[in-house]
Amino acid sequence: TSVRLLADFATVADARSRALFDGLDVALAERARSRQDGGELVVEGADAQSDRGRFDALLESTLVLTAALVVFLKDSFDASFTDSFNSLLRTHFYDERHVDAQWADAEPALRRHIVT
């Protein structure tokens, strides 16, 4: 495992992460979309009292990067689930005898090995 900076997730900021802005303050969401489109992400701290513009830029950038992190994690969880499910299928339903298996027969075997 490794530690990643929030800024590392700028590479996965895309339309799916932008969709997470829906339902937020409209003006903030628009500024965050603009910042994402321009690639002008601020990742260093700023004081709201002394430099409000830089602080707002940090807030907008944090929104973009956090949304990208959520998308990255969702994709990772989905891939892990798919790999685990395929592993269960290979373990329990591995040859031609299992081609016509019904879900009612397969479900109990798969549920015994599910880790949640």
Foldseek 3Di string as FASTA:
>chain_A
DDDDDLVVLLVQQDPQLLVVCPPPDPVLSVVLVVCSVVVPADCDDDDCVPCVPSNSSNVSNSSRSVSSVVVVVVVVVVVVVVVVVVVLCCVPPPDPVNPPPDCVVVVVSSVVPDDD
